[in-house]
Amino acid sequence: MPNQEQLNQIRKGKGFVAALDQSGGSTPKALRLYGINEDAYSSDAEMFDLMHAMRKRIAKAPAFTGDKIVGAILFEMTMDREIDGKPTATYMWEDRYVVPFLKVDKGLNEEENGVQLMKPMPELDALLKRAVDAGIFGTKMRSVINAANREGIKAIVAQQFNIGKQILKHGLIPIIEPEVNITITDKAEAEEMLLAELTAQLDALPDGQEVMLKLTLPETANQYKSLVDHPRILRIVALSGGYSRDEANDRLSQNAGVIASFSRALTEGLSANQSDEDFNATIAATINSIYEASIAG
């Protein structure tokens, strides 16, 4: 069963979920934006050491606390590492009052029917057991919608919920993330189809089961309001999806009951070369702006 205090923080806490879960494919880009180019490391191990140092610096910033950040999504290697001598998930909760989640997907398949399903996860049960032992509260898994294709969207939501039920059996709360690509011309139509499929899957969940959703900021304000109020929803968070932080915050503020779960928009403006004073001031301003947008609705 989920930790009740953590459950209350996610359900009722004011703030947003920080996405600190960049994985292998997205790590070089995240490091470049942070001011660290590929010539600064010569192996994946060195790359992930640098990425952990960045995440640790963010997590230890004075503004990174449960007052404005209710949760944080971690990469598997981050879960397995430490901050100040404590396992990362333990540090997040005990020192920051931030509820820890774990990214569990292994990337995307090639596009079919306008969507990219998640790759198989044959070792998921073993990972979930490790997550429970590490003090993780919930999980996150991402797939992508690239077209308003009804068959593809039905398949992507079905896959997310099937794996979500597997996650629930371990006492973890799944964050279901069927991302809608912000560049597609039929985005609004895709979001209508997605709403219908999500509603059907949520309606079919047994009493007492709850999930979270992580959704692309929609074209129509309050597109997902009926899901915010759904009895099987613990919380709905939004991804920035490539929007600038200002646009993401603006869109978020128009969607009542939805809070942020930004990744790139959270780290925008941070640099490895900043002094601690400048770094902490920048992340504090960012956290405040995302927090304000998250509580605006």
C-alpha atoms as a PDB file:
ATOM      1  CA  MET A   1       0.000   0.000   0.000  1.00  0.00           C
ATOM      2  CA  PRO A   2       1.233   3.536  -0.724  1.00  0.00           C
ATOM      3  CA  ASN A   3       2.629   5.542   2.183  1.00  0.00           C
ATOM      4  CA  GLN A   4      -0.357   7.500   3.510  1.00  0.00           C
ATOM      5  CA  GLU A   5       1.594  10.674   4.227  1.00  0.00           C
ATOM      6  CA  GLN A   6       3.047  10.617   0.720  1.00  0.00           C
ATOM      7  CA  LEU A   7      -0.415   9.911  -0.694  1.00  0.00           C
ATOM      8  CA  ASN A   8      -1.749  13.003   1.073  1.00  0.00           C
ATOM      9  CA  GLN A   9       1.150  15.126  -0.208  1.00  0.00           C
ATOM     10  CA  ILE A  10       0.393  14.119  -3.807  1.00  0.00           C
ATOM     11  CA  ARG A  11      -3.388  14.399  -3.472  1.00  0.00           C
ATOM     12  CA  LYS A  12      -3.593  17.642  -1.529  1.00  0.00           C
ATOM     13  CA  GLY A  13      -0.164  19.274  -1.651  1.00  0.00           C
ATOM     14  CA  LYS A  14       0.237  22.592  -3.438  1.00  0.00           C
ATOM     15  CA  GLY A  15       2.939  22.588  -6.047  1.00  0.00           C
ATOM     16  CA  PHE A  16       4.168  20.428  -8.904  1.00  0.00           C
ATOM     17  CA  VAL A  17       6.113  17.270  -9.774  1.00  0.00           C
ATOM     18  CA  ALA A  18       9.712  17.788 -10.890  1.00  0.00           C
ATOM     19  CA  ALA A  19      10.775  15.519 -13.760  1.00  0.00           C
ATOM     20  CA  LEU A  20      14.408  14.529 -13.165  1.00  0.00           C
ATOM     21  CA  ASP A  21      14.254  11.354 -15.242  1.00  0.00           C
ATOM     22  CA  GLN A  22      16.178  12.052 -18.453  1.00  0.00           C
ATOM     23  CA  SER A  23      17.518   8.690 -19.644  1.00  0.00           C
ATOM     24  CA  GLY A  24      20.214   7.541 -22.077  1.00  0.00           C
ATOM     25  CA  GLY A  25      18.850   9.082 -25.254  1.00  0.00           C
ATOM     26  CA  SER A  26      17.946  12.467 -23.791  1.00  0.00           C
ATOM     27  CA  THR A  27      20.891  12.851 -21.398  1.00  0.00           C
ATOM     28  CA  PRO A  28      23.407  14.369 -23.862  1.00  0.00           C
ATOM     29  CA  LYS A  29      20.907  17.051 -24.864  1.00  0.00           C
ATOM     30  CA  ALA A  30      20.080  17.804 -21.223  1.00  0.00           C
ATOM     31  CA  LEU A  31      23.781  18.128 -20.429  1.00  0.00           C
ATOM     32  CA  ARG A  32      24.372  20.397 -23.445  1.00  0.00           C
ATOM     33  CA  LEU A  33      21.613  22.708 -22.262  1.00  0.00           C
ATOM     34  CA  TYR A  34      23.337  22.673 -18.868  1.00  0.00           C
ATOM     35  CA  GLY A  35      26.591  23.779 -20.482  1.00  0.00           C
ATOM     36  CA  ILE A  36      28.356  20.406 -20.637  1.00  0.00           C
ATOM     37  CA  ASN A  37      29.238  19.258 -24.158  1.00  0.00           C
ATOM     38  CA  GLU A  38      29.991  15.721 -25.339  1.00  0.00           C
ATOM     39  CA  ASP A  39      33.745  16.342 -25.253  1.00  0.00           C
ATOM     40  CA  ALA A  40      33.523  16.636 -21.456  1.00  0.00           C
ATOM     41  CA  TYR A  41      32.979  12.867 -21.066  1.00  0.00           C
ATOM     42  CA  SER A  42      34.263   9.769 -22.834  1.00  0.00           C
ATOM     43  CA  SER A  43      31.847   7.065 -21.655  1.00  0.00           C
ATOM     44  CA  ASP A  44      28.253   6.527 -20.619  1.00  0.00           C
ATOM     45  CA  ALA A  45      29.431   6.087 -17.037  1.00  0.00           C
ATOM     46  CA  GLU A  46      31.046   9.534 -17.038  1.00  0.00           C
ATOM     47  CA  MET A  47      27.968  11.000 -18.728  1.00  0.00           C
ATOM     48  CA  PHE A  48      25.657   9.633 -16.056  1.00  0.00           C
ATOM     49  CA  ASP A  49      28.020  10.787 -13.301  1.00  0.00           C
ATOM     50  CA  LEU A  50      27.712  14.330 -14.674  1.00  0.00           C
ATOM     51  CA  MET A  51      23.939  13.978 -14.949  1.00  0.00           C
ATOM     52  CA  HIS A  52      23.672  12.797 -11.354  1.00  0.00           C
ATOM     53  CA  ALA A  53      25.781  15.742 -10.227  1.00  0.00           C
ATOM     54  CA  MET A  54      23.321  18.058 -11.961  1.00  0.00           C
ATOM     55  CA  ARG A  55      20.306  16.357 -10.402  1.00  0.00           C
ATOM     56  CA  LYS A  56      21.953  16.386  -6.988  1.00  0.00           C
ATOM     57  CA  ARG A  57      22.650  20.108  -7.307  1.00  0.00           C
ATOM     58  CA  ILE A  58      18.988  20.721  -8.144  1.00  0.00           C
ATOM     59  CA  ALA A  59      17.717  18.528  -5.306  1.00  0.00           C
ATOM     60  CA  LYS A  60      19.966  20.250  -2.761  1.00  0.00           C
ATOM     61  CA  ALA A  61      18.941  23.774  -3.796  1.00  0.00           C
ATOM     62  CA  PRO A  62      17.221  25.522  -0.876  1.00  0.00           C
ATOM     63  CA  ALA A  63      14.048  26.103  -2.923  1.00  0.00           C
ATOM     64  CA  PHE A  64      13.682  22.429  -3.865  1.00  0.00           C
ATOM     65  CA  THR A  65      11.330  21.364  -1.061  1.00  0.00           C
ATOM     66  CA  GLY A  66       7.851  19.971  -0.542  1.00  0.00           C
ATOM     67  CA  ASP A  67       6.519  23.479   0.011  1.00  0.00           C
ATOM     68  CA  LYS A  68       6.298  23.939  -3.766  1.00  0.00           C
ATOM     69  CA  ILE A  69       7.365  20.566  -5.204  1.00  0.00           C
ATOM     70  CA  VAL A  70       5.124  17.665  -4.214  1.00  0.00           C
ATOM     71  CA  GLY A  71       7.033  14.955  -6.072  1.00  0.00           C
ATOM     72  CA  ALA A  72      10.037  14.141  -8.245  1.00  0.00           C
ATOM     73  CA  ILE A  73      10.410  11.550 -11.005  1.00  0.00           C
ATOM     74  CA  LEU A  74      13.764   9.764 -10.900  1.00  0.00           C
ATOM     75  CA  PHE A  75      15.741   7.803 -13.474  1.00  0.00           C
ATOM     76  CA  GLU A  76      16.638   4.238 -12.419  1.00  0.00           C
ATOM     77  CA  MET A  77      20.324   5.090 -12.005  1.00  0.00           C
ATOM     78  CA  THR A  78      19.331   8.071  -9.861  1.00  0.00           C
ATOM     79  CA  MET A  79      17.300   5.799  -7.592  1.00  0.00           C
ATOM     80  CA  ASP A  80      20.345   3.551  -7.246  1.00  0.00           C
ATOM     81  CA  ARG A  81      22.651   6.440  -6.274  1.00  0.00           C
ATOM     82  CA  GLU A  82      22.944   8.591  -3.159  1.00  0.00           C
ATOM     83  CA  ILE A  83      22.683  12.216  -2.132  1.00  0.00           C
ATOM     84  CA  ASP A  84      24.574  13.199   1.012  1.00  0.00           C
ATOM     85  CA  GLY A  85      25.085   9.559   1.928  1.00  0.00           C
ATOM     86  CA  LYS A  86      21.407   8.600   1.632  1.00  0.00           C
ATOM     87  CA  PRO A  87      19.655   6.685  -1.163  1.00  0.00           C
ATOM     88  CA  THR A  88      18.152   9.313  -3.466  1.00  0.00           C
ATOM     89  CA  ALA A  89      14.520   8.389  -2.781  1.00  0.00           C
ATOM     90  CA  THR A  90      15.143   8.491   0.970  1.00  0.00           C
ATOM     91  CA  TYR A  91      16.846  11.880   0.674  1.00  0.00           C
ATOM     92  CA  MET A  92      13.973  13.262  -1.398  1.00  0.00           C
ATOM     93  CA  TRP A  93      11.385  12.306   1.194  1.00  0.00           C
ATOM     94  CA  GLU A  94      13.226  12.685   4.504  1.00  0.00           C
ATOM     95  CA  ASP A  95      15.247  15.794   3.683  1.00  0.00           C
ATOM     96  CA  ARG A  96      13.085  17.565   1.082  1.00  0.00           C
ATOM     97  CA  TYR A  97       9.545  16.244   1.781  1.00  0.00           C
ATOM     98  CA  VAL A  98       9.312  15.455  -1.952  1.00  0.00           C
ATOM     99  CA  VAL A  99       7.567  12.201  -2.940  1.00  0.00           C
ATOM    100  CA  PRO A 100       9.791   9.975  -5.125  1.00  0.00           C
ATOM    101  CA  PHE A 101       8.597   8.378  -8.389  1.00  0.00           C
ATOM    102  CA  LEU A 102      10.568   6.150 -10.779  1.00  0.00           C
ATOM    103  CA  LYS A 103      10.650   6.151 -14.578  1.00  0.00           C
ATOM    104  CA  VAL A 104      10.169   2.501 -15.592  1.00  0.00           C
ATOM    105  CA  ASP A 105       9.746   2.435 -19.377  1.00  0.00           C
ATOM    106  CA  LYS A 106      12.590   1.320 -21.638  1.00  0.00           C
ATOM    107  CA  GLY A 107      11.929   3.636 -24.557  1.00  0.00           C
ATOM    108  CA  LEU A 108       9.699   3.562 -27.606  1.00  0.00           C
ATOM    109  CA  ASN A 109       8.963   1.227 -30.495  1.00  0.00           C
ATOM    110  CA  GLU A 110       8.925   2.474 -34.074  1.00  0.00           C
ATOM    111  CA  GLU A 111       5.788   4.371 -35.076  1.00  0.00           C
ATOM    112  CA  GLU A 112       2.748   2.334 -36.107  1.00  0.00           C
ATOM    113  CA  ASN A 113      -0.778   3.681 -36.639  1.00  0.00           C
ATOM    114  CA  GLY A 114       0.465   7.136 -35.745  1.00  0.00           C
ATOM    115  CA  VAL A 115       1.772   6.199 -32.289  1.00  0.00           C
ATOM    116  CA  GLN A 116       4.886   4.857 -30.612  1.00  0.00           C
ATOM    117  CA  LEU A 117       4.114   2.182 -28.068  1.00  0.00           C
ATOM    118  CA  MET A 118       6.500   1.383 -25.246  1.00  0.00           C
ATOM    119  CA  LYS A 119       9.124  -1.276 -25.760  1.00  0.00           C
ATOM    120  CA  PRO A 120       8.620  -4.555 -23.860  1.00  0.00           C
ATOM    121  CA  MET A 121       9.580  -4.521 -20.173  1.00  0.00           C
ATOM    122  CA  PRO A 122      10.266  -8.187 -19.307  1.00  0.00           C
ATOM    123  CA  GLU A 123      12.108  -7.276 -16.090  1.00  0.00           C
ATOM    124  CA  LEU A 124       9.463  -4.843 -14.829  1.00  0.00           C
ATOM    125  CA  ASP A 125       8.368  -6.914 -11.818  1.00  0.00           C
ATOM    126  CA  ALA A 126      11.962  -7.149 -10.575  1.00  0.00           C
ATOM    127  CA  LEU A 127      12.413  -3.393 -11.024  1.00  0.00           C
ATOM    128  CA  LEU A 128       9.165  -2.678  -9.187  1.00  0.00           C
ATOM    129  CA  LYS A 129      10.276  -4.837  -6.261  1.00  0.00           C
ATOM    130  CA  ARG A 130      13.541  -2.870  -6.090  1.00  0.00           C
ATOM    131  CA  ALA A 131      11.566   0.353  -6.252  1.00  0.00           C
ATOM    132  CA  VAL A 132       9.381  -0.650  -3.312  1.00  0.00           C
ATOM    133  CA  ASP A 133      12.486  -1.585  -1.299  1.00  0.00           C
ATOM    134  CA  ALA A 134      14.048   1.787  -2.185  1.00  0.00           C
ATOM    135  CA  GLY A 135      11.062   3.729  -0.858  1.00  0.00           C
ATOM    136  CA  ILE A 136       9.594   4.737  -4.222  1.00  0.00           C
ATOM    137  CA  PHE A 137       5.938   5.847  -4.130  1.00  0.00           C
ATOM    138  CA  GLY A 138       4.975   5.528  -7.794  1.00  0.00           C
ATOM    139  CA  THR A 139       6.169   5.117 -11.360  1.00  0.00           C
ATOM    140  CA  LYS A 140       6.090   6.906 -14.702  1.00  0.00           C
ATOM    141  CA  MET A 141       6.037   5.496 -18.227  1.00  0.00           C
ATOM    142  CA  ARG A 142       5.852   7.366 -21.525  1.00  0.00           C
ATOM    143  CA  SER A 143       4.529   6.611 -24.994  1.00  0.00           C
ATOM    144  CA  VAL A 144       3.909   9.084 -27.823  1.00  0.00           C
ATOM    145  CA  ILE A 145       0.993  10.015 -30.097  1.00  0.00           C
ATOM    146  CA  ASN A 146       2.067  11.456 -33.466  1.00  0.00           C
ATOM    147  CA  ALA A 147      -1.298  11.545 -35.249  1.00  0.00           C
ATOM    148  CA  ALA A 148      -5.032  11.568 -34.587  1.00  0.00           C
ATOM    149  CA  ASN A 149      -5.315   7.868 -35.383  1.00  0.00           C
ATOM    150  CA  ARG A 150      -8.137   6.279 -33.396  1.00  0.00           C
ATOM    151  CA  GLU A 151      -6.758   2.736 -33.621  1.00  0.00           C
ATOM    152  CA  GLY A 152      -3.292   3.833 -32.533  1.00  0.00           C
ATOM    153  CA  ILE A 153      -4.560   5.956 -29.638  1.00  0.00           C
ATOM    154  CA  LYS A 154      -6.764   3.116 -28.427  1.00  0.00           C
ATOM    155  CA  ALA A 155      -3.730   0.805 -28.472  1.00  0.00           C
ATOM    156  CA  ILE A 156      -1.460   3.256 -26.672  1.00  0.00           C
ATOM    157  CA  VAL A 157      -3.934   3.862 -23.840  1.00  0.00           C
ATOM    158  CA  ALA A 158      -4.674   0.138 -23.507  1.00  0.00           C
ATOM    159  CA  GLN A 159      -0.959  -0.647 -23.199  1.00  0.00           C
ATOM    160  CA  GLN A 160      -0.476   2.078 -20.587  1.00  0.00           C
ATOM    161  CA  PHE A 161      -3.357   0.811 -18.440  1.00  0.00           C
ATOM    162  CA  ASN A 162      -2.410  -2.860 -18.775  1.00  0.00           C
ATOM    163  CA  ILE A 163       1.053  -2.105 -17.427  1.00  0.00           C
ATOM    164  CA  GLY A 164      -0.448   0.292 -14.912  1.00  0.00           C
ATOM    165  CA  LYS A 165      -2.445  -2.590 -13.412  1.00  0.00           C
ATOM    166  CA  GLN A 166       0.783  -4.584 -13.071  1.00  0.00           C
ATOM    167  CA  ILE A 167       2.326  -1.639 -11.227  1.00  0.00           C
ATOM    168  CA  LEU A 168      -0.675  -1.254  -8.926  1.00  0.00           C
ATOM    169  CA  LYS A 169      -0.248  -4.880  -7.793  1.00  0.00           C
ATOM    170  CA  HIS A 170       3.080  -3.858  -6.253  1.00  0.00           C
ATOM    171  CA  GLY A 171       1.406  -1.124  -4.195  1.00  0.00           C
ATOM    172  CA  LEU A 172       2.827   1.645  -6.397  1.00  0.00           C
ATOM    173  CA  ILE A 173       0.889   4.458  -8.075  1.00  0.00           C
ATOM    174  CA  PRO A 174       1.456   4.583 -11.856  1.00  0.00           C
ATOM    175  CA  ILE A 175       1.750   7.852 -13.739  1.00  0.00           C
ATOM    176  CA  ILE A 176       0.327   7.052 -17.178  1.00  0.00           C
ATOM    177  CA  GLU A 177       1.861   9.274 -19.868  1.00  0.00           C
ATOM    178  CA  PRO A 178       0.491   9.088 -23.422  1.00  0.00           C
ATOM    179  CA  GLU A 179       2.261  12.214 -24.709  1.00  0.00           C
ATOM    180  CA  VAL A 180       0.723  14.051 -27.661  1.00  0.00           C
ATOM    181  CA  ASN A 181       3.428  15.469 -29.917  1.00  0.00           C
ATOM    182  CA  ILE A 182       3.005  19.276 -29.826  1.00  0.00           C
ATOM    183  CA  THR A 183       4.128  19.676 -33.468  1.00  0.00           C
ATOM    184  CA  ILE A 184       1.368  17.669 -35.150  1.00  0.00           C
ATOM    185  CA  THR A 185      -1.309  19.519 -37.151  1.00  0.00           C
ATOM    186  CA  ASP A 186      -4.185  17.407 -35.806  1.00  0.00           C
ATOM    187  CA  LYS A 187      -3.233  17.780 -32.123  1.00  0.00           C
ATOM    188  CA  ALA A 188      -6.695  18.939 -30.991  1.00  0.00           C
ATOM    189  CA  GLU A 189      -8.363  16.006 -32.738  1.00  0.00           C
ATOM    190  CA  ALA A 190      -5.871  13.583 -31.184  1.00  0.00           C
ATOM    191  CA  GLU A 191      -6.664  15.032 -27.760  1.00  0.00           C
ATOM    192  CA  GLU A 192     -10.388  14.418 -28.276  1.00  0.00           C
ATOM    193  CA  MET A 193      -9.664  10.772 -29.102  1.00  0.00           C
ATOM    194  CA  LEU A 194      -7.288  10.496 -26.143  1.00  0.00           C
ATOM    195  CA  LEU A 195      -9.888  11.875 -23.741  1.00  0.00           C
ATOM    196  CA  ALA A 196     -12.417   9.259 -24.862  1.00  0.00           C
ATOM    197  CA  GLU A 197      -9.968   6.361 -24.464  1.00  0.00           C
ATOM    198  CA  LEU A 198      -8.677   7.542 -21.087  1.00  0.00           C
ATOM    199  CA  THR A 199     -12.229   7.936 -19.803  1.00  0.00           C
ATOM    200  CA  ALA A 200     -13.162   4.411 -20.884  1.00  0.00           C
ATOM    201  CA  GLN A 201     -10.111   2.893 -19.206  1.00  0.00           C
ATOM    202  CA  LEU A 202     -10.621   4.867 -15.994  1.00  0.00           C
ATOM    203  CA  ASP A 203     -14.293   3.894 -15.852  1.00  0.00           C
ATOM    204  CA  ALA A 204     -13.255   0.233 -16.055  1.00  0.00           C
ATOM    205  CA  LEU A 205     -10.832   0.361 -13.115  1.00  0.00           C
ATOM    206  CA  PRO A 206     -12.055  -1.372  -9.935  1.00  0.00           C
ATOM    207  CA  ASP A 207     -13.225   0.643  -6.957  1.00  0.00           C
ATOM    208  CA  GLY A 208     -10.353   1.732  -4.749  1.00  0.00           C
ATOM    209  CA  GLN A 209      -7.736   1.848  -7.489  1.00  0.00           C
ATOM    210  CA  GLU A 210      -6.214   5.198  -8.445  1.00  0.00           C
ATOM    211  CA  VAL A 211      -3.742   6.273 -11.091  1.00  0.00           C
ATOM    212  CA  MET A 212      -2.130   9.516 -12.157  1.00  0.00           C
ATOM    213  CA  LEU A 213      -1.987  10.922 -15.663  1.00  0.00           C
ATOM    214  CA  LYS A 214       0.786  12.954 -17.277  1.00  0.00           C
ATOM    215  CA  LEU A 215      -0.620  14.741 -20.313  1.00  0.00           C
ATOM    216  CA  THR A 216       0.523  17.209 -22.928  1.00  0.00           C
ATOM    217  CA  LEU A 217      -0.836  20.711 -22.351  1.00  0.00           C
ATOM    218  CA  PRO A 218      -3.952  20.727 -24.560  1.00  0.00           C
ATOM    219  CA  GLU A 219      -5.115  23.030 -27.348  1.00  0.00           C
ATOM    220  CA  THR A 220      -8.444  23.591 -25.582  1.00  0.00           C
ATOM    221  CA  ALA A 221      -8.274  24.885 -22.015  1.00  0.00           C
ATOM    222  CA  ASN A 222      -9.708  22.420 -19.477  1.00  0.00           C
ATOM    223  CA  GLN A 223      -9.785  19.674 -22.123  1.00  0.00           C
ATOM    224  CA  TYR A 224      -9.260  17.099 -19.380  1.00  0.00           C
ATOM    225  CA  LYS A 225     -11.398  18.658 -16.631  1.00  0.00           C
ATOM    226  CA  SER A 226     -13.680  15.612 -16.526  1.00  0.00           C
ATOM    227  CA  LEU A 227     -10.627  13.472 -15.764  1.00  0.00           C
ATOM    228  CA  VAL A 228      -9.402  15.828 -13.032  1.00  0.00           C
ATOM    229  CA  ASP A 229     -12.673  15.112 -11.244  1.00  0.00           C
ATOM    230  CA  HIS A 230     -12.710  11.354 -11.995  1.00  0.00           C
ATOM    231  CA  PRO A 231     -12.861   9.144  -8.858  1.00  0.00           C
ATOM    232  CA  ARG A 232     -10.019   6.913 -10.170  1.00  0.00           C
ATOM    233  CA  ILE A 233      -7.624   9.857 -10.586  1.00  0.00           C
ATOM    234  CA  LEU A 234      -5.180  10.751  -7.814  1.00  0.00           C
ATOM    235  CA  ARG A 235      -3.705  13.739  -9.704  1.00  0.00           C
ATOM    236  CA  ILE A 236      -3.150  14.946 -13.258  1.00  0.00           C
ATOM    237  CA  VAL A 237       0.193  16.498 -14.151  1.00  0.00           C
ATOM    238  CA  ALA A 238       1.250  18.165 -17.397  1.00  0.00           C
ATOM    239  CA  LEU A 239       4.448  17.846 -19.395  1.00  0.00           C
ATOM    240  CA  SER A 240       6.020  20.858 -21.061  1.00  0.00           C
ATOM    241  CA  GLY A 241       6.560  18.847 -24.251  1.00  0.00           C
ATOM    242  CA  GLY A 242       8.932  21.293 -25.914  1.00  0.00           C
ATOM    243  CA  TYR A 243       7.047  24.495 -25.102  1.00  0.00           C
ATOM    244  CA  SER A 244       9.158  27.238 -23.578  1.00  0.00           C
ATOM    245  CA  ARG A 245       8.707  27.625 -19.840  1.00  0.00           C
ATOM    246  CA  ASP A 246       6.701  30.824 -20.292  1.00  0.00           C
ATOM    247  CA  GLU A 247       4.296  29.244 -22.771  1.00  0.00           C
ATOM    248  CA  ALA A 248       4.048  26.057 -20.727  1.00  0.00           C
ATOM    249  CA  ASN A 249       3.226  28.061 -17.606  1.00  0.00           C
ATOM    250  CA  ASP A 250       0.653  30.112 -19.515  1.00  0.00           C
ATOM    251  CA  ARG A 251      -1.070  27.020 -20.898  1.00  0.00           C
ATOM    252  CA  LEU A 252      -0.919  25.272 -17.531  1.00  0.00           C
ATOM    253  CA  SER A 253      -2.568  28.180 -15.717  1.00  0.00           C
ATOM    254  CA  GLN A 254      -5.602  27.766 -18.004  1.00  0.00           C
ATOM    255  CA  ASN A 255      -6.224  24.147 -16.967  1.00  0.00           C
ATOM    256  CA  ALA A 256      -7.923  23.936 -13.582  1.00  0.00           C
ATOM    257  CA  GLY A 257      -6.758  21.171 -11.281  1.00  0.00           C
ATOM    258  CA  VAL A 258      -3.739  20.218 -13.413  1.00  0.00           C
ATOM    259  CA  ILE A 259      -0.233  20.731 -12.037  1.00  0.00           C
ATOM    260  CA  ALA A 260       3.130  20.747 -13.798  1.00  0.00           C
ATOM    261  CA  SER A 261       5.592  17.923 -14.272  1.00  0.00           C
ATOM    262  CA  PHE A 262       8.208  19.741 -16.309  1.00  0.00           C
ATOM    263  CA  SER A 263      11.671  18.497 -17.249  1.00  0.00           C
ATOM    264  CA  ARG A 264      13.405  20.748 -19.777  1.00  0.00           C
ATOM    265  CA  ALA A 265      11.330  23.744 -18.652  1.00  0.00           C
ATOM    266  CA  LEU A 266      12.457  23.118 -15.063  1.00  0.00           C
ATOM    267  CA  THR A 267      16.165  23.184 -15.937  1.00  0.00           C
ATOM    268  CA  GLU A 268      15.931  26.057 -18.455  1.00  0.00           C
ATOM    269  CA  GLY A 269      18.527  28.700 -17.564  1.00  0.00           C
ATOM    270  CA  LEU A 270      20.623  26.464 -15.302  1.00  0.00           C
ATOM    271  CA  SER A 271      24.336  26.072 -16.047  1.00  0.00           C
ATOM    272  CA  ALA A 272      27.176  23.995 -14.676  1.00  0.00           C
ATOM    273  CA  ASN A 273      29.260  27.178 -14.737  1.00  0.00           C
ATOM    274  CA  GLN A 274      26.974  29.151 -12.442  1.00  0.00           C
ATOM    275  CA  SER A 275      28.088  29.943  -8.917  1.00  0.00           C
ATOM    276  CA  ASP A 276      25.994  28.265  -6.230  1.00  0.00           C
ATOM    277  CA  GLU A 277      24.421  31.637  -5.486  1.00  0.00           C
ATOM    278  CA  ASP A 278      23.373  32.198  -9.108  1.00  0.00           C
ATOM    279  CA  PHE A 279      22.295  28.592  -9.571  1.00  0.00           C
ATOM    280  CA  ASN A 280      20.133  28.628  -6.446  1.00  0.00           C
ATOM    281  CA  ALA A 281      18.591  31.973  -7.380  1.00  0.00           C
ATOM    282  CA  THR A 282      17.765  30.740 -10.897  1.00  0.00           C
ATOM    283  CA  ILE A 283      16.191  27.467  -9.757  1.00  0.00           C
ATOM    284  CA  ALA A 284      14.257  29.315  -7.043  1.00  0.00           C
ATOM    285  CA  ALA A 285      12.748  31.708  -9.603  1.00  0.00           C
ATOM    286  CA  THR A 286      11.912  28.793 -11.890  1.00  0.00           C
ATOM    287  CA  ILE A 287      10.285  26.781  -9.111  1.00  0.00           C
ATOM    288  CA  ASN A 288       8.233  29.801  -8.082  1.00  0.00           C
ATOM    289  CA  SER A 289       6.975  30.452 -11.615  1.00  0.00           C
ATOM    290  CA  ILE A 290       5.981  26.813 -12.190  1.00  0.00           C
ATOM    291  CA  TYR A 291       4.387  26.674  -8.739  1.00  0.00           C
ATOM    292  CA  GLU A 292       2.311  29.777  -9.433  1.00  0.00           C
ATOM    293  CA  ALA A 293       1.104  28.329 -12.753  1.00  0.00           C
ATOM    294  CA  SER A 294       0.274  25.021 -11.043  1.00  0.00           C
ATOM    295  CA  ILE A 295      -1.911  26.600  -8.372  1.00  0.00           C
ATOM    296  CA  ALA A 296      -3.501  29.176 -10.694  1.00  0.00           C
ATOM    297  CA  GLY A 297      -6.332  26.859 -11.662  1.00  0.00           C
END
